[in-house]
N, C-alpha and C. Protein backbone atom coordinates (compact mmCIF):
# COMPACT_ATOMS: atom_id res chain seq x y z
N MET A 1 25.52 16.62 -2.07
CA MET A 1 25.33 15.85 -0.86
C MET A 1 24.54 16.70 0.13
N ALA A 2 23.55 16.16 0.77
CA ALA A 2 22.69 16.90 1.69
C ALA A 2 23.42 17.15 3.01
N THR A 3 23.07 18.28 3.62
CA THR A 3 23.65 18.57 4.92
C THR A 3 23.01 17.66 5.95
N ASN A 4 23.64 17.59 7.08
CA ASN A 4 23.09 16.75 8.16
C ASN A 4 21.70 17.23 8.55
N GLU A 5 21.52 18.56 8.54
CA GLU A 5 20.21 19.10 8.91
C GLU A 5 19.15 18.69 7.89
N GLN A 6 19.51 18.72 6.58
CA GLN A 6 18.56 18.31 5.55
C GLN A 6 18.25 16.83 5.68
N LYS A 7 19.27 16.02 5.93
CA LYS A 7 19.05 14.59 6.12
C LYS A 7 18.15 14.36 7.33
N PHE A 8 18.42 15.10 8.40
CA PHE A 8 17.63 14.94 9.62
C PHE A 8 16.17 15.29 9.36
N ARG A 9 15.96 16.42 8.66
CA ARG A 9 14.58 16.84 8.37
C ARG A 9 13.87 15.84 7.49
N ALA A 10 14.57 15.34 6.48
CA ALA A 10 13.95 14.35 5.59
C ALA A 10 13.60 13.09 6.37
N GLY A 11 14.52 12.64 7.22
CA GLY A 11 14.24 11.45 8.03
C GLY A 11 13.12 11.69 9.02
N GLU A 12 13.12 12.88 9.60
CA GLU A 12 12.08 13.21 10.56
C GLU A 12 10.72 13.23 9.88
N THR A 13 10.65 13.83 8.68
CA THR A 13 9.40 13.89 7.93
C THR A 13 8.93 12.49 7.57
N LYS A 14 9.86 11.69 7.09
CA LYS A 14 9.51 10.31 6.73
C LYS A 14 8.99 9.56 7.95
N GLY A 15 9.67 9.73 9.09
CA GLY A 15 9.25 9.06 10.32
C GLY A 15 7.85 9.47 10.75
N LYS A 16 7.57 10.78 10.63
CA LYS A 16 6.23 11.27 11.02
C LYS A 16 5.15 10.62 10.15
N TYR A 17 5.41 10.57 8.82
CA TYR A 17 4.41 10.01 7.93
C TYR A 17 4.25 8.52 8.14
N GLU A 18 5.34 7.83 8.42
CA GLU A 18 5.24 6.40 8.70
C GLU A 18 4.46 6.17 9.99
N GLU A 19 4.69 7.02 10.99
CA GLU A 19 3.97 6.87 12.25
C GLU A 19 2.48 7.14 12.04
N LYS A 20 2.15 8.21 11.29
CA LYS A 20 0.75 8.51 11.03
C LYS A 20 0.09 7.40 10.23
N THR A 21 0.80 6.85 9.27
CA THR A 21 0.27 5.75 8.48
C THR A 21 0.00 4.55 9.37
N GLY A 22 0.95 4.25 10.25
CA GLY A 22 0.78 3.13 11.17
C GLY A 22 -0.42 3.34 12.07
N GLN A 23 -0.57 4.56 12.57
CA GLN A 23 -1.70 4.85 13.45
C GLN A 23 -3.01 4.71 12.69
N ALA A 24 -3.04 5.22 11.45
CA ALA A 24 -4.26 5.12 10.66
C ALA A 24 -4.59 3.67 10.35
N MET A 25 -3.55 2.90 10.03
CA MET A 25 -3.77 1.47 9.74
C MET A 25 -4.30 0.76 10.98
N ASP A 26 -3.71 1.04 12.14
CA ASP A 26 -4.17 0.41 13.38
C ASP A 26 -5.62 0.79 13.67
N SER A 27 -5.93 2.07 13.48
CA SER A 27 -7.30 2.54 13.72
C SER A 27 -8.28 1.82 12.80
N MET A 28 -7.90 1.71 11.52
CA MET A 28 -8.78 1.04 10.56
C MET A 28 -8.93 -0.44 10.91
N LYS A 29 -7.85 -1.08 11.32
CA LYS A 29 -7.92 -2.48 11.70
C LYS A 29 -8.84 -2.66 12.91
N ASN A 30 -8.70 -1.77 13.90
CA ASN A 30 -9.55 -1.84 15.09
C ASN A 30 -11.02 -1.67 14.73
N LYS A 31 -11.31 -0.71 13.84
CA LYS A 31 -12.69 -0.48 13.44
C LYS A 31 -13.24 -1.68 12.68
N ALA A 32 -12.42 -2.27 11.83
CA ALA A 32 -12.87 -3.45 11.09
C ALA A 32 -13.13 -4.61 12.04
N GLN A 33 -12.25 -4.78 13.02
CA GLN A 33 -12.42 -5.86 13.99
C GLN A 33 -13.69 -5.63 14.81
N GLU A 34 -13.93 -4.38 15.20
CA GLU A 34 -15.14 -4.07 15.96
C GLU A 34 -16.39 -4.38 15.13
N ALA A 35 -16.36 -4.01 13.85
CA ALA A 35 -17.51 -4.28 12.98
C ALA A 35 -17.71 -5.79 12.83
N LYS A 36 -16.61 -6.50 12.70
CA LYS A 36 -16.69 -7.96 12.58
C LYS A 36 -17.25 -8.58 13.85
N ASP A 37 -16.73 -8.11 15.00
CA ASP A 37 -17.22 -8.63 16.29
C ASP A 37 -18.71 -8.34 16.47
N LYS A 38 -19.11 -7.13 16.11
CA LYS A 38 -20.52 -6.75 16.27
C LYS A 38 -21.39 -7.62 15.35
N ALA A 39 -20.92 -7.83 14.14
CA ALA A 39 -21.68 -8.67 13.22
C ALA A 39 -21.77 -10.09 13.74
N SER A 40 -20.67 -10.57 14.30
CA SER A 40 -20.66 -11.92 14.85
C SER A 40 -21.62 -12.03 16.03
N GLU A 41 -21.61 -11.02 16.90
CA GLU A 41 -22.53 -11.02 18.03
C GLU A 41 -23.98 -11.01 17.55
N MET A 42 -24.22 -10.19 16.54
CA MET A 42 -25.58 -10.13 16.00
C MET A 42 -25.98 -11.48 15.40
N ALA A 43 -25.05 -12.09 14.71
CA ALA A 43 -25.34 -13.38 14.09
C ALA A 43 -25.63 -14.43 15.17
N HIS A 44 -24.81 -14.42 16.23
CA HIS A 44 -25.04 -15.38 17.32
C HIS A 44 -26.37 -15.10 18.02
N SER A 45 -26.66 -13.83 18.18
CA SER A 45 -27.92 -13.45 18.81
C SER A 45 -29.10 -13.91 17.95
N VAL A 46 -28.97 -13.67 16.66
CA VAL A 46 -30.03 -14.08 15.74
C VAL A 46 -30.15 -15.60 15.74
N GLN A 47 -29.02 -16.27 15.78
CA GLN A 47 -29.03 -17.73 15.80
C GLN A 47 -29.74 -18.25 17.06
N GLY A 48 -29.42 -17.62 18.19
CA GLY A 48 -30.06 -18.03 19.44
C GLY A 48 -31.56 -17.81 19.39
N ARG A 49 -31.94 -16.66 18.89
CA ARG A 49 -33.37 -16.36 18.79
C ARG A 49 -34.05 -17.28 17.78
N THR A 50 -33.28 -17.63 16.76
CA THR A 50 -33.84 -18.51 15.74
C THR A 50 -34.22 -19.86 16.34
N ARG A 51 -33.35 -20.38 17.17
CA ARG A 51 -33.64 -21.68 17.80
C ARG A 51 -34.90 -21.61 18.65
N GLU A 52 -34.99 -20.53 19.43
CA GLU A 52 -36.18 -20.37 20.29
C GLU A 52 -37.44 -20.20 19.45
N SER A 53 -37.31 -19.34 18.44
CA SER A 53 -38.48 -19.06 17.60
C SER A 53 -38.91 -20.28 16.80
N LYS A 54 -37.92 -21.03 16.36
CA LYS A 54 -38.23 -22.21 15.56
C LYS A 54 -39.05 -23.20 16.38
N ASP A 55 -38.67 -23.33 17.63
CA ASP A 55 -39.43 -24.22 18.49
C ASP A 55 -40.84 -23.70 18.69
N GLN A 56 -41.00 -22.39 18.75
CA GLN A 56 -42.30 -21.81 19.07
C GLN A 56 -43.15 -21.56 17.84
N THR A 57 -42.55 -21.02 16.80
CA THR A 57 -43.39 -20.58 15.68
C THR A 57 -43.15 -21.30 14.37
N GLY A 58 -42.14 -22.10 14.30
CA GLY A 58 -41.96 -22.88 13.07
C GLY A 58 -40.89 -22.31 12.15
N SER A 59 -40.95 -22.71 10.92
CA SER A 59 -39.88 -22.41 9.97
C SER A 59 -39.89 -20.97 9.45
N TYR A 60 -41.02 -20.25 9.56
CA TYR A 60 -41.08 -18.88 9.06
C TYR A 60 -40.01 -18.00 9.71
N LEU A 61 -39.95 -18.08 11.04
CA LEU A 61 -38.96 -17.27 11.74
C LEU A 61 -37.54 -17.74 11.43
N SER A 62 -37.38 -19.00 11.20
CA SER A 62 -36.06 -19.53 10.84
C SER A 62 -35.57 -18.91 9.53
N GLU A 63 -36.46 -18.82 8.56
CA GLU A 63 -36.11 -18.20 7.28
C GLU A 63 -35.76 -16.72 7.47
N LYS A 64 -36.52 -16.03 8.29
CA LYS A 64 -36.27 -14.61 8.56
C LYS A 64 -34.90 -14.43 9.23
N ALA A 65 -34.61 -15.28 10.19
CA ALA A 65 -33.33 -15.18 10.90
C ALA A 65 -32.17 -15.45 9.96
N GLY A 66 -32.33 -16.40 9.06
CA GLY A 66 -31.29 -16.68 8.07
C GLY A 66 -31.04 -15.48 7.18
N ALA A 67 -32.13 -14.84 6.77
CA ALA A 67 -31.99 -13.65 5.93
C ALA A 67 -31.30 -12.53 6.72
N THR A 68 -31.66 -12.40 8.00
CA THR A 68 -31.03 -11.37 8.84
C THR A 68 -29.54 -11.66 9.01
N LYS A 69 -29.24 -12.92 9.22
CA LYS A 69 -27.83 -13.31 9.37
C LYS A 69 -27.07 -13.02 8.09
N GLU A 70 -27.66 -13.35 6.96
CA GLU A 70 -27.01 -13.10 5.67
C GLU A 70 -26.79 -11.61 5.46
N LYS A 71 -27.81 -10.83 5.79
CA LYS A 71 -27.69 -9.37 5.64
C LYS A 71 -26.60 -8.82 6.56
N THR A 72 -26.54 -9.34 7.77
CA THR A 72 -25.52 -8.91 8.73
C THR A 72 -24.13 -9.23 8.21
N CYS A 73 -23.96 -10.41 7.65
CA CYS A 73 -22.66 -10.80 7.09
C CYS A 73 -22.29 -9.92 5.91
N GLU A 74 -23.27 -9.60 5.07
CA GLU A 74 -23.01 -8.71 3.94
C GLU A 74 -22.59 -7.32 4.43
N THR A 75 -23.28 -6.82 5.45
CA THR A 75 -22.95 -5.51 6.01
C THR A 75 -21.55 -5.52 6.60
N ALA A 76 -21.21 -6.57 7.31
CA ALA A 76 -19.87 -6.68 7.90
C ALA A 76 -18.80 -6.72 6.80
N GLU A 77 -19.06 -7.47 5.73
CA GLU A 77 -18.10 -7.56 4.63
C GLU A 77 -17.93 -6.21 3.94
N THR A 78 -19.04 -5.50 3.74
CA THR A 78 -18.98 -4.17 3.13
C THR A 78 -18.16 -3.22 4.00
N ALA A 79 -18.39 -3.25 5.30
CA ALA A 79 -17.63 -2.40 6.22
C ALA A 79 -16.14 -2.74 6.17
N LYS A 80 -15.85 -4.02 6.12
CA LYS A 80 -14.45 -4.45 6.06
C LYS A 80 -13.79 -3.96 4.79
N GLN A 81 -14.49 -4.02 3.66
CA GLN A 81 -13.93 -3.55 2.39
C GLN A 81 -13.70 -2.04 2.42
N LYS A 82 -14.65 -1.30 2.98
CA LYS A 82 -14.48 0.16 3.07
C LYS A 82 -13.29 0.52 3.94
N VAL A 83 -13.15 -0.16 5.04
CA VAL A 83 -12.02 0.10 5.95
C VAL A 83 -10.71 -0.24 5.25
N GLY A 84 -10.67 -1.34 4.53
CA GLY A 84 -9.46 -1.73 3.80
C GLY A 84 -9.11 -0.71 2.74
N GLY A 85 -10.11 -0.20 2.04
CA GLY A 85 -9.87 0.82 1.02
C GLY A 85 -9.34 2.11 1.62
N ALA A 86 -9.92 2.52 2.74
CA ALA A 86 -9.46 3.74 3.41
C ALA A 86 -8.04 3.57 3.91
N ALA A 87 -7.73 2.41 4.43
CA ALA A 87 -6.37 2.15 4.91
C ALA A 87 -5.39 2.19 3.76
N GLN A 88 -5.76 1.63 2.63
CA GLN A 88 -4.87 1.64 1.46
C GLN A 88 -4.66 3.06 0.96
N ASP A 89 -5.74 3.86 0.92
CA ASP A 89 -5.62 5.25 0.50
C ASP A 89 -4.68 6.02 1.42
N THR A 90 -4.80 5.79 2.72
CA THR A 90 -3.94 6.46 3.69
C THR A 90 -2.49 6.05 3.48
N LYS A 91 -2.27 4.79 3.24
CA LYS A 91 -0.91 4.29 3.02
C LYS A 91 -0.30 4.91 1.76
N GLU A 92 -1.10 4.98 0.69
CA GLU A 92 -0.61 5.56 -0.56
C GLU A 92 -0.28 7.04 -0.39
N LYS A 93 -1.12 7.78 0.31
CA LYS A 93 -0.87 9.20 0.53
C LYS A 93 0.40 9.40 1.34
N ALA A 94 0.59 8.60 2.38
CA ALA A 94 1.80 8.70 3.19
C ALA A 94 3.03 8.37 2.35
N SER A 95 2.91 7.38 1.48
CA SER A 95 4.02 7.01 0.61
C SER A 95 4.36 8.16 -0.34
N GLN A 96 3.34 8.82 -0.88
CA GLN A 96 3.57 9.97 -1.76
C GLN A 96 4.26 11.09 -1.01
N MET A 97 3.84 11.35 0.22
CA MET A 97 4.46 12.41 1.02
C MET A 97 5.91 12.07 1.33
N ALA A 98 6.17 10.82 1.65
CA ALA A 98 7.55 10.41 1.94
C ALA A 98 8.41 10.55 0.69
N GLU A 99 7.86 10.20 -0.47
CA GLU A 99 8.60 10.33 -1.73
C GLU A 99 8.91 11.80 -2.01
N SER A 100 7.95 12.66 -1.75
CA SER A 100 8.17 14.09 -1.94
C SER A 100 9.29 14.59 -1.04
N GLY A 101 9.30 14.15 0.21
CA GLY A 101 10.36 14.53 1.13
C GLY A 101 11.71 14.01 0.66
N SER A 102 11.71 12.81 0.12
CA SER A 102 12.95 12.22 -0.39
C SER A 102 13.47 13.01 -1.59
N GLU A 103 12.56 13.43 -2.47
CA GLU A 103 12.96 14.23 -3.63
C GLU A 103 13.54 15.56 -3.20
N THR A 104 12.95 16.17 -2.18
CA THR A 104 13.47 17.43 -1.66
C THR A 104 14.87 17.24 -1.10
N ALA A 105 15.08 16.15 -0.40
CA ALA A 105 16.41 15.87 0.15
C ALA A 105 17.41 15.62 -0.98
N ASP A 106 16.98 14.90 -2.03
CA ASP A 106 17.87 14.66 -3.16
C ASP A 106 18.27 15.96 -3.85
N THR A 107 17.32 16.88 -4.00
CA THR A 107 17.63 18.17 -4.60
C THR A 107 18.67 18.91 -3.76
N GLY A 108 18.49 18.87 -2.46
CA GLY A 108 19.47 19.51 -1.56
C GLY A 108 20.83 18.85 -1.69
N LYS A 109 20.85 17.53 -1.85
CA LYS A 109 22.12 16.82 -2.01
C LYS A 109 22.84 17.30 -3.27
N GLU A 110 22.08 17.42 -4.36
CA GLU A 110 22.68 17.83 -5.63
C GLU A 110 23.27 19.23 -5.51
N LYS A 111 22.55 20.15 -4.91
CA LYS A 111 23.04 21.53 -4.77
C LYS A 111 24.29 21.55 -3.90
N THR A 112 24.26 20.84 -2.79
CA THR A 112 25.39 20.81 -1.87
C THR A 112 26.59 20.15 -2.53
N GLY A 113 26.35 19.06 -3.28
CA GLY A 113 27.44 18.35 -3.96
C GLY A 113 28.16 19.26 -4.94
N GLY A 114 27.42 20.06 -5.71
CA GLY A 114 28.02 21.00 -6.65
C GLY A 114 28.88 22.03 -5.95
N LEU A 115 28.42 22.52 -4.83
CA LEU A 115 29.17 23.50 -4.07
C LEU A 115 30.47 22.90 -3.56
N PHE A 116 30.43 21.69 -3.03
CA PHE A 116 31.64 21.04 -2.53
C PHE A 116 32.62 20.77 -3.66
N GLN A 117 32.12 20.36 -4.83
CA GLN A 117 33.00 20.09 -5.95
C GLN A 117 33.70 21.37 -6.39
N LYS A 118 32.97 22.46 -6.51
CA LYS A 118 33.56 23.73 -6.92
C LYS A 118 34.61 24.19 -5.91
N THR A 119 34.28 24.07 -4.62
CA THR A 119 35.23 24.46 -3.57
C THR A 119 36.48 23.59 -3.62
N GLY A 120 36.32 22.31 -3.85
CA GLY A 120 37.45 21.39 -3.95
C GLY A 120 38.37 21.76 -5.11
N GLU A 121 37.75 22.11 -6.24
CA GLU A 121 38.56 22.50 -7.40
C GLU A 121 39.32 23.79 -7.12
N GLN A 122 38.70 24.73 -6.42
CA GLN A 122 39.38 25.98 -6.09
C GLN A 122 40.55 25.71 -5.16
N ILE A 123 40.37 24.86 -4.17
CA ILE A 123 41.45 24.54 -3.23
C ILE A 123 42.58 23.84 -3.98
N LYS A 124 42.23 22.94 -4.88
CA LYS A 124 43.25 22.22 -5.66
C LYS A 124 44.06 23.22 -6.50
N GLY A 125 43.37 24.16 -7.13
CA GLY A 125 44.06 25.17 -7.93
C GLY A 125 44.98 26.03 -7.08
N MET A 126 44.51 26.43 -5.89
CA MET A 126 45.35 27.25 -5.00
C MET A 126 46.56 26.46 -4.54
N ALA A 127 46.39 25.19 -4.24
CA ALA A 127 47.51 24.37 -3.80
C ALA A 127 48.54 24.22 -4.91
N HIS A 128 48.08 24.04 -6.13
CA HIS A 128 49.00 23.93 -7.27
C HIS A 128 49.77 25.24 -7.45
N GLY A 129 49.06 26.36 -7.35
CA GLY A 129 49.72 27.68 -7.46
C GLY A 129 50.75 27.87 -6.37
N THR A 130 50.41 27.46 -5.15
CA THR A 130 51.34 27.58 -4.04
C THR A 130 52.57 26.72 -4.27
N ALA A 131 52.38 25.52 -4.76
CA ALA A 131 53.50 24.62 -5.04
C ALA A 131 54.41 25.22 -6.11
N ASP A 132 53.83 25.80 -7.17
CA ASP A 132 54.64 26.43 -8.21
C ASP A 132 55.42 27.62 -7.65
N ALA A 133 54.78 28.41 -6.80
CA ALA A 133 55.47 29.56 -6.21
C ALA A 133 56.64 29.10 -5.35
N MET A 134 56.45 28.04 -4.59
CA MET A 134 57.53 27.51 -3.75
C MET A 134 58.68 27.01 -4.62
N LYS A 135 58.38 26.34 -5.71
CA LYS A 135 59.42 25.85 -6.61
C LYS A 135 60.23 27.01 -7.19
N HIS A 136 59.52 28.06 -7.60
CA HIS A 136 60.21 29.23 -8.14
C HIS A 136 61.08 29.87 -7.07
N THR A 137 60.57 29.94 -5.85
CA THR A 137 61.32 30.57 -4.76
C THR A 137 62.62 29.84 -4.49
N PHE A 138 62.59 28.53 -4.50
CA PHE A 138 63.78 27.75 -4.19
C PHE A 138 64.56 27.34 -5.43
N GLY A 139 64.19 27.87 -6.58
CA GLY A 139 64.92 27.59 -7.81
C GLY A 139 64.69 26.20 -8.33
N MET A 140 63.63 25.57 -7.96
CA MET A 140 63.35 24.21 -8.41
C MET A 140 62.38 24.18 -9.58
N ALA A 141 61.87 25.32 -9.98
CA ALA A 141 60.87 25.37 -11.04
C ALA A 141 61.54 25.20 -12.39
N ASP A 142 60.84 24.54 -13.27
CA ASP A 142 61.32 24.39 -14.64
C ASP A 142 61.05 25.69 -15.38
N THR A 143 61.93 26.03 -16.26
CA THR A 143 61.70 27.22 -17.07
C THR A 143 60.64 26.95 -18.11
N ASP A 144 60.58 25.72 -18.58
CA ASP A 144 59.58 25.32 -19.54
C ASP A 144 58.69 24.27 -18.88
N GLU A 145 57.68 24.69 -18.15
CA GLU A 145 56.85 23.77 -17.38
C GLU A 145 55.96 22.90 -18.25
N ASP A 146 55.74 23.31 -19.50
CA ASP A 146 54.88 22.53 -20.39
C ASP A 146 55.60 21.31 -20.94
N ASP A 147 56.94 21.28 -20.86
CA ASP A 147 57.71 20.17 -21.41
C ASP A 147 58.11 19.23 -20.28
N PRO A 148 57.49 18.05 -20.18
CA PRO A 148 57.81 17.13 -19.07
C PRO A 148 59.22 16.57 -19.19
N ASN A 149 59.85 16.62 -20.35
CA ASN A 149 61.20 16.10 -20.51
C ASN A 149 62.23 16.98 -19.83
N VAL A 150 61.95 18.28 -19.66
CA VAL A 150 62.90 19.20 -19.04
C VAL A 150 63.15 18.79 -17.59
N SER A 151 62.07 18.51 -16.84
CA SER A 151 62.26 18.14 -15.45
C SER A 151 62.94 16.78 -15.35
N ALA A 152 62.72 15.89 -16.33
CA ALA A 152 63.37 14.59 -16.30
C ALA A 152 64.86 14.75 -16.56
N LYS A 153 65.26 15.70 -17.42
CA LYS A 153 66.67 15.93 -17.72
C LYS A 153 67.41 16.49 -16.51
N ARG A 154 66.70 17.29 -15.70
CA ARG A 154 67.32 17.91 -14.55
C ARG A 154 67.31 17.00 -13.32
N GLY A 155 66.61 15.92 -13.39
CA GLY A 155 66.58 14.95 -12.29
C GLY A 155 65.53 15.22 -11.23
N TYR A 156 64.54 15.96 -11.54
CA TYR A 156 63.48 16.24 -10.58
C TYR A 156 62.40 15.22 -10.66
């Protein structure tokens, strides 16, 4: 069983990694949203210019604006995918770090548990020895302690 300090450290480590993961995720989301907003602004700008140009110069500029809009959308989608991948990588790394901290805490628990079990057995043995000594002192001890029928015959 882990000590309170080990549990505290493991929890603290896990909390730090969760906080960092959350911050990284928020940062990535903000960057993706900014890229999306910028792409949208560019698309609206291109659309506005397209209308003006179409009136002035005809369909050539309209085709160019459509291509620009399409390219802008592709760029925004690529940026969004990269941000999503980076966020996933960050989340996986934080999860691995938290798992490592958990394994360290489990190892500490196992070591501590063994120590407590050994100590408990020693205390139990000492208590049994003390009880036998008290029985002998007061004449209540069986002469043949291995035979359970002897104590039953004497009424103990």
